[in-house]
């Protein structure tokens, strides 16, 4: 298969970090439960979450506010003139 594919931020994490995030979600964000599960202290859990968050922040780009208009234009649903009006 060929083409340009965008990998979601979570998929860019290491397998170990992905498992950590899964465990965190499954335990409803309870740091106390994470402490017991991973047998580490509260600061260790917080540091790990901060490191994962920083990795996700680097991969997150907010969509352009004009993205919807540009997509409509690309599909031929609106004209260039209509797109310009909506974008200004």
Protein backbone atom coordinates (compact mmCIF):
# COMPACT_ATOMS: atom_id res chain seq x y z
CA UNK A 1 0.00 0.00 0.00
CA UNK A 2 1.35 3.42 -0.92
CA UNK A 3 0.33 6.91 0.04
CA UNK A 4 0.66 9.62 2.60
CA UNK A 5 -0.83 8.62 5.92
CA UNK A 6 -1.06 10.64 9.09
CA UNK A 7 -0.40 8.67 12.25
CA UNK A 8 -2.45 9.78 15.28
CA UNK A 9 -0.54 11.17 18.24
CA UNK A 10 -1.28 8.19 20.48
CA UNK A 11 0.13 5.82 17.85
CA UNK A 12 3.39 7.78 17.89
CA UNK A 13 3.94 6.92 21.54
CA UNK A 14 6.14 3.97 22.46
CA UNK A 15 4.31 0.71 23.13
CA UNK A 16 5.10 1.12 26.83
CA UNK A 17 3.60 4.62 26.93
CA UNK A 18 0.54 3.43 25.02
CA UNK A 19 -0.03 0.72 27.64
CA UNK A 20 0.38 3.33 30.38
CA UNK A 21 -2.27 5.54 28.74
CA UNK A 22 -4.62 2.56 28.33
CA UNK A 23 -4.21 1.67 32.01
CA UNK A 24 -4.79 5.30 33.00
CA UNK A 25 -8.02 5.47 30.99
CA UNK A 26 -9.22 2.09 32.26
CA UNK A 27 -8.70 3.29 35.84
CA UNK A 28 -10.61 6.50 35.09
CA UNK A 29 -7.57 8.69 35.62
CA UNK A 30 -7.01 7.54 39.19
CA UNK A 31 -3.39 8.20 40.05
CA UNK A 32 -3.86 6.23 43.27
CA UNK A 33 -4.85 3.12 41.28
CA UNK A 34 -1.94 3.71 38.89
CA UNK A 35 0.44 3.82 41.87
CA UNK A 36 -0.73 0.37 42.95
CA UNK A 37 -0.78 -1.07 39.45
CA UNK A 38 2.74 0.06 38.55
CA UNK A 39 4.06 -0.07 42.14
CA UNK A 40 5.52 3.44 41.92
CA UNK A 41 5.00 6.70 43.78
CA UNK A 42 2.61 9.55 43.01
CA UNK A 43 5.42 11.82 41.67
CA UNK A 44 6.57 9.03 39.34
CA UNK A 45 3.08 8.69 37.88
CA UNK A 46 2.77 12.48 37.52
CA UNK A 47 6.17 12.73 35.83
CA UNK A 48 5.25 9.96 33.40
CA UNK A 49 1.93 11.64 32.58
CA UNK A 50 3.69 14.97 32.06
CA UNK A 51 6.23 13.36 29.71
CA UNK A 52 3.48 11.65 27.70
CA UNK A 53 1.48 14.87 27.60
CA UNK A 54 4.50 16.76 26.26
CA UNK A 55 4.91 14.17 23.50
CA UNK A 56 1.24 14.48 22.56
CA UNK A 57 1.40 18.29 22.64
CA UNK A 58 4.22 18.23 20.09
CA UNK A 59 2.13 16.11 17.71
CA UNK A 60 -1.12 18.04 18.15
CA UNK A 61 -1.99 20.71 15.66
CA UNK A 62 -5.31 22.46 15.90
CA UNK A 63 -7.16 22.44 12.60
CA UNK A 64 -7.34 25.68 10.71
CA UNK A 65 -10.61 27.54 11.30
CA UNK A 66 -10.95 27.68 7.52
CA UNK A 67 -10.41 23.94 7.02
CA UNK A 68 -14.12 23.18 6.64
CA UNK A 69 -14.48 25.89 3.98
CA UNK A 70 -11.43 24.65 2.09
CA UNK A 71 -12.73 21.09 2.18
CA UNK A 72 -16.09 22.23 0.79
CA UNK A 73 -14.27 24.10 -1.96
CA UNK A 74 -12.17 21.07 -2.79
CA UNK A 75 -15.29 18.90 -3.10
CA UNK A 76 -16.89 21.47 -5.39
CA UNK A 77 -19.69 22.19 -2.95
CA UNK A 78 -19.00 25.94 -2.96
CA UNK A 79 -17.38 28.37 -5.39
CA UNK A 80 -14.15 30.28 -4.83
CA UNK A 81 -16.17 33.44 -4.29
CA UNK A 82 -18.32 31.75 -1.63
CA UNK A 83 -15.22 30.38 0.07
CA UNK A 84 -13.60 33.83 0.16
CA UNK A 85 -16.74 35.33 1.68
CA UNK A 86 -16.86 32.68 4.39
CA UNK A 87 -13.16 33.05 5.19
CA UNK A 88 -13.19 36.82 5.67
